[in-house]
PDB file of N, CA and C in Angstrom:
ATOM      1  N   MET A   1      13.321  29.732  -8.149  1.00  0.00           N
ATOM      2  CA  MET A   1      12.558  28.486  -8.159  1.00  0.00           C
ATOM      3  C   MET A   1      12.982  27.635  -6.954  1.00  0.00           C
ATOM      4  N   PRO A   2      12.032  27.217  -6.097  1.00  0.00           N
ATOM      5  CA  PRO A   2      12.404  26.454  -4.906  1.00  0.00           C
ATOM      6  C   PRO A   2      12.883  25.049  -5.256  1.00  0.00           C
ATOM      7  N   LYS A   3      13.873  24.580  -4.522  1.00  0.00           N
ATOM      8  CA  LYS A   3      14.385  23.228  -4.717  1.00  0.00           C
ATOM      9  C   LYS A   3      13.532  22.252  -3.916  1.00  0.00           C
ATOM     10  N   GLU A   4      13.363  21.054  -4.456  1.00  0.00           N
ATOM     11  CA  GLU A   4      12.630  20.025  -3.730  1.00  0.00           C
ATOM     12  C   GLU A   4      13.570  19.398  -2.709  1.00  0.00           C
ATOM     13  N   ILE A   5      13.130  19.323  -1.483  1.00  0.00           N
ATOM     14  CA  ILE A   5      13.924  18.732  -0.413  1.00  0.00           C
ATOM     15  C   ILE A   5      13.242  17.435  -0.008  1.00  0.00           C
ATOM     16  N   LYS A   6      13.937  16.316  -0.140  1.00  0.00           N
ATOM     17  CA  LYS A   6      13.319  15.026   0.144  1.00  0.00           C
ATOM     18  C   LYS A   6      13.001  14.825   1.614  1.00  0.00           C
ATOM     19  N   ASN A   7      13.843  15.301   2.509  1.00  0.00           N
ATOM     20  CA  ASN A   7      13.579  15.146   3.940  1.00  0.00           C
ATOM     21  C   ASN A   7      13.162  16.477   4.539  1.00  0.00           C
ATOM     22  N   SER A   8      12.069  17.018   4.052  1.00  0.00           N
ATOM     23  CA  SER A   8      11.567  18.305   4.532  1.00  0.00           C
ATOM     24  C   SER A   8      10.541  18.072   5.636  1.00  0.00           C
ATOM     25  N   LYS A   9       9.775  19.107   5.965  1.00  0.00           N
ATOM     26  CA  LYS A   9       8.741  19.001   7.002  1.00  0.00           C
ATOM     27  C   LYS A   9       7.708  17.935   6.667  1.00  0.00           C
ATOM     28  N   GLU A  10       7.537  17.654   5.388  1.00  0.00           N
ATOM     29  CA  GLU A  10       6.551  16.656   4.972  1.00  0.00           C
ATOM     30  C   GLU A  10       6.960  15.255   5.406  1.00  0.00           C
ATOM     31  N   GLY A  11       8.236  15.041   5.682  1.00  0.00           N
ATOM     32  CA  GLY A  11       8.747  13.707   5.964  1.00  0.00           C
ATOM     33  C   GLY A  11       9.614  13.259   4.806  1.00  0.00           C
ATOM     34  N   LYS A  12       9.854  11.955   4.723  1.00  0.00           N
ATOM     35  CA  LYS A  12      10.688  11.410   3.649  1.00  0.00           C
ATOM     36  C   LYS A  12       9.796  10.990   2.487  1.00  0.00           C
ATOM     37  N   LEU A  13      10.115  11.471   1.298  1.00  0.00           N
ATOM     38  CA  LEU A  13       9.361  11.089   0.103  1.00  0.00           C
ATOM     39  C   LEU A  13       9.561   9.597  -0.145  1.00  0.00           C
ATOM     40  N   ILE A  14       8.453   8.840  -0.198  1.00  0.00           N
ATOM     41  CA  ILE A  14       8.565   7.389  -0.381  1.00  0.00           C
ATOM     42  C   ILE A  14       7.818   6.879  -1.607  1.00  0.00           C
ATOM     43  N   GLY A  15       7.148   7.761  -2.338  1.00  0.00           N
ATOM     44  CA  GLY A  15       6.444   7.296  -3.521  1.00  0.00           C
ATOM     45  C   GLY A  15       5.411   8.288  -4.007  1.00  0.00           C
ATOM     46  N   LYS A  16       4.645   7.840  -5.014  1.00  0.00           N
ATOM     47  CA  LYS A  16       3.569   8.683  -5.524  1.00  0.00           C
ATOM     48  C   LYS A  16       2.376   7.830  -5.908  1.00  0.00           C
ATOM     49  N   ILE A  17       1.225   8.478  -5.945  1.00  0.00           N
ATOM     50  CA  ILE A  17      -0.023   7.806  -6.304  1.00  0.00           C
ATOM     51  C   ILE A  17      -0.018   7.543  -7.805  1.00  0.00           C
ATOM     52  N   SER A  18      -0.261   6.276  -8.187  1.00  0.00           N
ATOM     53  CA  SER A  18      -0.335   5.954  -9.613  1.00  0.00           C
ATOM     54  C   SER A  18      -1.770   5.701 -10.065  1.00  0.00           C
ATOM     55  N   HIS A  19      -2.671   5.441  -9.110  1.00  0.00           N
ATOM     56  CA  HIS A  19      -4.082   5.229  -9.462  1.00  0.00           C
ATOM     57  C   HIS A  19      -4.935   5.394  -8.204  1.00  0.00           C
ATOM     58  N   TYR A  20      -6.193   5.776  -8.403  1.00  0.00           N
ATOM     59  CA  TYR A  20      -7.132   5.890  -7.286  1.00  0.00           C
ATOM     60  C   TYR A  20      -8.450   5.262  -7.694  1.00  0.00           C
ATOM     61  N   PHE A  21      -8.917   4.303  -6.899  1.00  0.00           N
ATOM     62  CA  PHE A  21     -10.210   3.659  -7.126  1.00  0.00           C
ATOM     63  C   PHE A  21     -11.235   4.362  -6.248  1.00  0.00           C
ATOM     64  N   SER A  22     -11.958   5.321  -6.826  1.00  0.00           N
ATOM     65  CA  SER A  22     -12.878   6.152  -6.044  1.00  0.00           C
ATOM     66  C   SER A  22     -14.036   5.352  -5.463  1.00  0.00           C
ATOM     67  N   ASN A  23     -14.468   4.294  -6.141  1.00  0.00           N
ATOM     68  CA  ASN A  23     -15.610   3.519  -5.653  1.00  0.00           C
ATOM     69  C   ASN A  23     -15.307   2.770  -4.356  1.00  0.00           C
ATOM     70  N   ILE A  24     -14.016   2.473  -4.098  1.00  0.00           N
ATOM     71  CA  ILE A  24     -13.663   1.761  -2.867  1.00  0.00           C
ATOM     72  C   ILE A  24     -12.676   2.545  -1.999  1.00  0.00           C
ATOM     73  N   GLY A  25     -12.278   3.735  -2.437  1.00  0.00           N
ATOM     74  CA  GLY A  25     -11.392   4.588  -1.641  1.00  0.00           C
ATOM     75  C   GLY A  25      -9.992   4.036  -1.463  1.00  0.00           C
ATOM     76  N   VAL A  26      -9.484   3.377  -2.506  1.00  0.00           N
ATOM     77  CA  VAL A  26      -8.156   2.765  -2.440  1.00  0.00           C
ATOM     78  C   VAL A  26      -7.208   3.460  -3.411  1.00  0.00           C
ATOM     79  N   ALA A  27      -6.011   3.769  -2.904  1.00  0.00           N
ATOM     80  CA  ALA A  27      -4.968   4.378  -3.726  1.00  0.00           C
ATOM     81  C   ALA A  27      -3.884   3.348  -4.004  1.00  0.00           C
ATOM     82  N   VAL A  28      -3.349   3.382  -5.228  1.00  0.00           N
ATOM     83  CA  VAL A  28      -2.183   2.573  -5.575  1.00  0.00           C
ATOM     84  C   VAL A  28      -0.973   3.489  -5.479  1.00  0.00           C
ATOM     85  N   ILE A  29       0.020   3.063  -4.699  1.00  0.00           N
ATOM     86  CA  ILE A  29       1.230   3.852  -4.493  1.00  0.00           C
ATOM     87  C   ILE A  29       2.418   3.100  -5.070  1.00  0.00           C
ATOM     88  N   ASP A  30       3.171   3.752  -5.949  1.00  0.00           N
ATOM     89  CA  ASP A  30       4.428   3.209  -6.457  1.00  0.00           C
ATOM     90  C   ASP A  30       5.518   3.656  -5.493  1.00  0.00           C
ATOM     91  N   LEU A  31       6.103   2.698  -4.776  1.00  0.00           N
ATOM     92  CA  LEU A  31       7.056   3.014  -3.714  1.00  0.00           C
ATOM     93  C   LEU A  31       8.484   3.211  -4.227  1.00  0.00           C
ATOM     94  N   THR A  32       9.149   4.228  -3.681  1.00  0.00           N
ATOM     95  CA  THR A  32      10.572   4.449  -3.935  1.00  0.00           C
ATOM     96  C   THR A  32      11.369   4.165  -2.663  1.00  0.00           C
ATOM     97  N   SER A  33      10.680   3.700  -1.621  1.00  0.00           N
ATOM     98  CA  SER A  33      11.293   3.367  -0.334  1.00  0.00           C
ATOM     99  C   SER A  33      10.376   2.374   0.379  1.00  0.00           C
ATOM    100  N   ALA A  34      10.899   1.675   1.374  1.00  0.00           N
ATOM    101  CA  ALA A  34      10.122   0.660   2.094  1.00  0.00           C
ATOM    102  C   ALA A  34       9.008   1.289   2.939  1.00  0.00           C
ATOM    103  N   LEU A  35       7.961   0.498   3.183  1.00  0.00           N
ATOM    104  CA  LEU A  35       6.824   0.926   3.995  1.00  0.00           C
ATOM    105  C   LEU A  35       6.269  -0.301   4.704  1.00  0.00           C
ATOM    106  N   LYS A  36       5.777  -0.109   5.936  1.00  0.00           N
ATOM    107  CA  LYS A  36       5.189  -1.238   6.656  1.00  0.00           C
ATOM    108  C   LYS A  36       3.904  -0.816   7.365  1.00  0.00           C
ATOM    109  N   THR A  37       3.095  -1.807   7.690  1.00  0.00           N
ATOM    110  CA  THR A  37       1.877  -1.565   8.451  1.00  0.00           C
ATOM    111  C   THR A  37       2.245  -0.890   9.770  1.00  0.00           C
ATOM    112  N   GLY A  38       1.487   0.137  10.144  1.00  0.00           N
ATOM    113  CA  GLY A  38       1.756   0.886  11.367  1.00  0.00           C
ATOM    114  C   GLY A  38       2.486   2.195  11.118  1.00  0.00           C
ATOM    115  N   ASP A  39       3.139   2.323   9.941  1.00  0.00           N
ATOM    116  CA  ASP A  39       3.792   3.590   9.593  1.00  0.00           C
ATOM    117  C   ASP A  39       2.737   4.669   9.378  1.00  0.00           C
ATOM    118  N   THR A  40       3.131   5.920   9.549  1.00  0.00           N
ATOM    119  CA  THR A  40       2.253   7.046   9.244  1.00  0.00           C
ATOM    120  C   THR A  40       2.735   7.679   7.953  1.00  0.00           C
ATOM    121  N   ILE A  41       1.788   7.895   7.033  1.00  0.00           N
ATOM    122  CA  ILE A  41       2.122   8.537   5.764  1.00  0.00           C
ATOM    123  C   ILE A  41       1.415   9.880   5.662  1.00  0.00           C
ATOM    124  N   ARG A  42       1.947  10.716   4.803  1.00  0.00           N
ATOM    125  CA  ARG A  42       1.338  12.008   4.505  1.00  0.00           C
ATOM    126  C   ARG A  42       1.199  12.093   2.992  1.00  0.00           C
ATOM    127  N   ILE A  43       0.020  12.452   2.521  1.00  0.00           N
ATOM    128  CA  ILE A  43      -0.241  12.584   1.087  1.00  0.00           C
ATOM    129  C   ILE A  43      -0.480  14.053   0.786  1.00  0.00           C
ATOM    130  N   ILE A  44       0.286  14.560  -0.177  1.00  0.00           N
ATOM    131  CA  ILE A  44       0.199  15.971  -0.549  1.00  0.00           C
ATOM    132  C   ILE A  44       0.044  16.074  -2.063  1.00  0.00           C
ATOM    133  N   GLY A  45      -0.910  16.919  -2.496  1.00  0.00           N
ATOM    134  CA  GLY A  45      -1.087  17.139  -3.923  1.00  0.00           C
ATOM    135  C   GLY A  45      -2.206  18.115  -4.193  1.00  0.00           C
ATOM    136  N   GLY A  46      -2.246  18.588  -5.421  1.00  0.00           N
ATOM    137  CA  GLY A  46      -3.285  19.532  -5.808  1.00  0.00           C
ATOM    138  C   GLY A  46      -3.202  20.811  -5.002  1.00  0.00           C
ATOM    139  N   GLU A  47      -4.305  21.530  -4.941  1.00  0.00           N
ATOM    140  CA  GLU A  47      -4.330  22.804  -4.230  1.00  0.00           C
ATOM    141  C   GLU A  47      -4.641  22.655  -2.746  1.00  0.00           C
ATOM    142  N   ASP A  48      -5.400  21.605  -2.387  1.00  0.00           N
ATOM    143  CA  ASP A  48      -5.831  21.527  -0.988  1.00  0.00           C
ATOM    144  C   ASP A  48      -5.767  20.131  -0.371  1.00  0.00           C
ATOM    145  N   THR A  49      -5.016  19.217  -0.972  1.00  0.00           N
ATOM    146  CA  THR A  49      -4.884  17.891  -0.384  1.00  0.00           C
ATOM    147  C   THR A  49      -3.581  17.806   0.393  1.00  0.00           C
ATOM    148  N   ASP A  50      -3.698  17.590   1.695  1.00  0.00           N
ATOM    149  CA  ASP A  50      -2.548  17.466   2.588  1.00  0.00           C
ATOM    150  C   ASP A  50      -3.060  16.823   3.872  1.00  0.00           C
ATOM    151  N   PHE A  51      -2.850  15.506   4.006  1.00  0.00           N
ATOM    152  CA  PHE A  51      -3.340  14.815   5.201  1.00  0.00           C
ATOM    153  C   PHE A  51      -2.412  13.669   5.583  1.00  0.00           C
ATOM    154  N   ASP A  52      -2.453  13.334   6.876  1.00  0.00           N
ATOM    155  CA  ASP A  52      -1.687  12.213   7.421  1.00  0.00           C
ATOM    156  C   ASP A  52      -2.652  11.078   7.729  1.00  0.00           C
ATOM    157  N   GLN A  53      -2.139   9.854   7.640  1.00  0.00           N
ATOM    158  CA  GLN A  53      -2.919   8.712   8.099  1.00  0.00           C
ATOM    159  C   GLN A  53      -1.990   7.543   8.383  1.00  0.00           C
ATOM    160  N   GLU A  54      -2.453   6.682   9.286  1.00  0.00           N
ATOM    161  CA  GLU A  54      -1.701   5.466   9.612  1.00  0.00           C
ATOM    162  C   GLU A  54      -1.986   4.413   8.551  1.00  0.00           C
ATOM    163  N   VAL A  55      -0.958   3.643   8.192  1.00  0.00           N
ATOM    164  CA  VAL A  55      -1.134   2.521   7.268  1.00  0.00           C
ATOM    165  C   VAL A  55      -1.658   1.350   8.095  1.00  0.00           C
ATOM    166  N   LYS A  56      -2.960   1.088   7.985  1.00  0.00           N
ATOM    167  CA  LYS A  56      -3.580   0.017   8.771  1.00  0.00           C
ATOM    168  C   LYS A  56      -3.440  -1.329   8.067  1.00  0.00           C
ATOM    169  N   SER A  57      -3.458  -1.309   6.741  1.00  0.00           N
ATOM    170  CA  SER A  57      -3.247  -2.526   5.959  1.00  0.00           C
ATOM    171  C   SER A  57      -2.853  -2.123   4.546  1.00  0.00           C
ATOM    172  N   MET A  58      -2.218  -3.055   3.854  1.00  0.00           N
ATOM    173  CA  MET A  58      -1.865  -2.815   2.456  1.00  0.00           C
ATOM    174  C   MET A  58      -1.860  -4.145   1.718  1.00  0.00           C
ATOM    175  N   GLN A  59      -1.989  -4.040   0.397  1.00  0.00           N
ATOM    176  CA  GLN A  59      -2.074  -5.232  -0.434  1.00  0.00           C
ATOM    177  C   GLN A  59      -1.223  -5.073  -1.686  1.00  0.00           C
ATOM    178  N   ILE A  60      -0.757  -6.218  -2.171  1.00  0.00           N
ATOM    179  CA  ILE A  60      -0.159  -6.303  -3.504  1.00  0.00           C
ATOM    180  C   ILE A  60      -0.948  -7.366  -4.244  1.00  0.00           C
ATOM    181  N   GLU A  61      -1.558  -6.991  -5.368  1.00  0.00           N
ATOM    182  CA  GLU A  61      -2.374  -7.925  -6.169  1.00  0.00           C
ATOM    183  C   GLU A  61      -3.376  -8.692  -5.295  1.00  0.00           C
ATOM    184  N   HIS A  62      -4.089  -7.985  -4.438  1.00  0.00           N
ATOM    185  CA  HIS A  62      -5.149  -8.515  -3.568  1.00  0.00           C
ATOM    186  C   HIS A  62      -4.646  -9.390  -2.421  1.00  0.00           C
ATOM    187  N   ASP A  63      -3.324  -9.553  -2.273  1.00  0.00           N
ATOM    188  CA  ASP A  63      -2.766 -10.302  -1.144  1.00  0.00           C
ATOM    189  C   ASP A  63      -2.358  -9.320  -0.056  1.00  0.00           C
ATOM    190  N   LYS A  64      -2.861  -9.545   1.170  1.00  0.00           N
ATOM    191  CA  LYS A  64      -2.529  -8.666   2.295  1.00  0.00           C
ATOM    192  C   LYS A  64      -1.060  -8.866   2.674  1.00  0.00           C
ATOM    193  N   ILE A  65      -0.347  -7.753   2.879  1.00  0.00           N
ATOM    194  CA  ILE A  65       1.066  -7.807   3.257  1.00  0.00           C
ATOM    195  C   ILE A  65       1.304  -6.911   4.469  1.00  0.00           C
ATOM    196  N   GLU A  66       2.387  -7.160   5.185  1.00  0.00           N
ATOM    197  CA  GLU A  66       2.751  -6.356   6.354  1.00  0.00           C
ATOM    198  C   GLU A  66       3.801  -5.304   6.014  1.00  0.00           C
ATOM    199  N   LYS A  67       4.653  -5.606   5.019  1.00  0.00           N
ATOM    200  CA  LYS A  67       5.677  -4.643   4.617  1.00  0.00           C
ATOM    201  C   LYS A  67       5.912  -4.738   3.120  1.00  0.00           C
ATOM    202  N   ALA A  68       6.311  -3.601   2.558  1.00  0.00           N
ATOM    203  CA  ALA A  68       6.573  -3.517   1.125  1.00  0.00           C
ATOM    204  C   ALA A  68       7.944  -2.884   0.935  1.00  0.00           C
ATOM    205  N   LYS A  69       8.568  -3.193  -0.202  1.00  0.00           N
ATOM    206  CA  LYS A  69       9.910  -2.681  -0.454  1.00  0.00           C
ATOM    207  C   LYS A  69       9.913  -1.708  -1.629  1.00  0.00           C
ATOM    208  N   LYS A  70      11.032  -1.035  -1.782  1.00  0.00           N
ATOM    209  CA  LYS A  70      11.227  -0.115  -2.898  1.00  0.00           C
ATOM    210  C   LYS A  70      10.904  -0.846  -4.198  1.00  0.00           C
ATOM    211  N   GLY A  71      10.138  -0.187  -5.065  1.00  0.00           N
ATOM    212  CA  GLY A  71       9.772  -0.775  -6.350  1.00  0.00           C
ATOM    213  C   GLY A  71       8.412  -1.450  -6.361  1.00  0.00           C
ATOM    214  N   ASP A  72       7.847  -1.734  -5.178  1.00  0.00           N
ATOM    215  CA  ASP A  72       6.523  -2.357  -5.105  1.00  0.00           C
ATOM    216  C   ASP A  72       5.430  -1.339  -5.421  1.00  0.00           C
ATOM    217  N   SER A  73       4.334  -1.824  -5.994  1.00  0.00           N
ATOM    218  CA  SER A  73       3.111  -1.027  -6.147  1.00  0.00           C
ATOM    219  C   SER A  73       2.095  -1.624  -5.190  1.00  0.00           C
ATOM    220  N   ILE A  74       1.672  -0.816  -4.216  1.00  0.00           N
ATOM    221  CA  ILE A  74       0.774  -1.319  -3.172  1.00  0.00           C
ATOM    222  C   ILE A  74      -0.568  -0.602  -3.222  1.00  0.00           C
ATOM    223  N   GLY A  75      -1.580  -1.269  -2.719  1.00  0.00           N
ATOM    224  CA  GLY A  75      -2.894  -0.660  -2.572  1.00  0.00           C
ATOM    225  C   GLY A  75      -3.178  -0.426  -1.101  1.00  0.00           C
ATOM    226  N   ILE A  76      -3.626   0.793  -0.764  1.00  0.00           N
ATOM    227  CA  ILE A  76      -4.040   1.073   0.615  1.00  0.00           C
ATOM    228  C   ILE A  76      -5.333   1.881   0.595  1.00  0.00           C
ATOM    229  N   LYS A  77      -6.137   1.656   1.613  1.00  0.00           N
ATOM    230  CA  LYS A  77      -7.364   2.438   1.785  1.00  0.00           C
ATOM    231  C   LYS A  77      -6.960   3.814   2.303  1.00  0.00           C
ATOM    232  N   VAL A  78      -7.454   4.865   1.659  1.00  0.00           N
ATOM    233  CA  VAL A  78      -7.116   6.225   2.082  1.00  0.00           C
ATOM    234  C   VAL A  78      -8.358   6.930   2.608  1.00  0.00           C
ATOM    235  N   SER A  79      -8.134   7.866   3.532  1.00  0.00           N
ATOM    236  CA  SER A  79      -9.247   8.530   4.209  1.00  0.00           C
ATOM    237  C   SER A  79      -9.850   9.668   3.396  1.00  0.00           C
ATOM    238  N   LYS A  80      -9.129  10.139   2.364  1.00  0.00           N
ATOM    239  CA  LYS A  80      -9.635  11.217   1.516  1.00  0.00           C
ATOM    240  C   LYS A  80      -9.367  10.894   0.054  1.00  0.00           C
ATOM    241  N   LYS A  81     -10.063  11.603  -0.818  1.00  0.00           N
ATOM    242  CA  LYS A  81      -9.882  11.420  -2.250  1.00  0.00           C
ATOM    243  C   LYS A  81      -8.499  11.922  -2.664  1.00  0.00           C
ATOM    244  N   VAL A  82      -7.811  11.145  -3.509  1.00  0.00           N
ATOM    245  CA  VAL A  82      -6.493  11.533  -4.018  1.00  0.00           C
ATOM    246  C   VAL A  82      -6.492  11.402  -5.540  1.00  0.00           C
ATOM    247  N   ARG A  83      -5.426  11.873  -6.157  1.00  0.00           N
ATOM    248  CA  ARG A  83      -5.301  11.787  -7.614  1.00  0.00           C
ATOM    249  C   ARG A  83      -3.926  11.257  -7.991  1.00  0.00           C
ATOM    250  N   GLU A  84      -3.827  10.776  -9.234  1.00  0.00           N
ATOM    251  CA  GLU A  84      -2.537  10.329  -9.758  1.00  0.00           C
ATOM    252  C   GLU A  84      -1.513  11.447  -9.648  1.00  0.00           C
ATOM    253  N   GLY A  85      -0.299  11.082  -9.266  1.00  0.00           N
ATOM    254  CA  GLY A  85       0.788  12.050  -9.194  1.00  0.00           C
ATOM    255  C   GLY A  85       0.980  12.690  -7.830  1.00  0.00           C
ATOM    256  N   TYR A  86      -0.007  12.563  -6.920  1.00  0.00           N
ATOM    257  CA  TYR A  86       0.170  13.112  -5.573  1.00  0.00           C
ATOM    258  C   TYR A  86       1.354  12.409  -4.915  1.00  0.00           C
ATOM    259  N   LYS A  87       2.099  13.145  -4.108  1.00  0.00           N
ATOM    260  CA  LYS A  87       3.288  12.600  -3.459  1.00  0.00           C
ATOM    261  C   LYS A  87       2.942  12.005  -2.100  1.00  0.00           C
ATOM    262  N   VAL A  88       3.666  10.935  -1.765  1.00  0.00           N
ATOM    263  CA  VAL A  88       3.450  10.224  -0.505  1.00  0.00           C
ATOM    264  C   VAL A  88       4.748  10.275   0.301  1.00  0.00           C
ATOM    265  N   TYR A  89       4.618  10.702   1.555  1.00  0.00           N
ATOM    266  CA  TYR A  89       5.767  10.832   2.459  1.00  0.00           C
ATOM    267  C   TYR A  89       5.556   9.943   3.671  1.00  0.00           C
ATOM    268  N   LYS A  90       6.662   9.441   4.250  1.00  0.00           N
ATOM    269  CA  LYS A  90       6.594   8.751   5.540  1.00  0.00           C
ATOM    270  C   LYS A  90       6.963   9.775   6.599  1.00  0.00           C
ATOM    271  N   VAL A  91       6.094   9.949   7.615  1.00  0.00           N
ATOM    272  CA  VAL A  91       6.340  10.961   8.659  1.00  0.00           C
ATOM    273  C   VAL A  91       6.563  10.305  10.009  1.00  0.00           C
TER     274      VAL A  91
END
């Protein structure tokens, strides 16, 4: 059984998707590490979801923020459909 490596080729694991609003293309990410606007994230999950994107903006409770800390739940617009439980890495 393969071991999970936090700092693997995917980057550093920083959280997971807790909700996806398909009508507006926004994912809610529960963070286990800090994140800021301009960072590049990678979302991996399911059989064929694996993509990178720049964090152009993020929100907490509809308020736009520039940086988020461990423990925050943030909303970001994502370029592809995601599901709950998908892992989010900073690359």
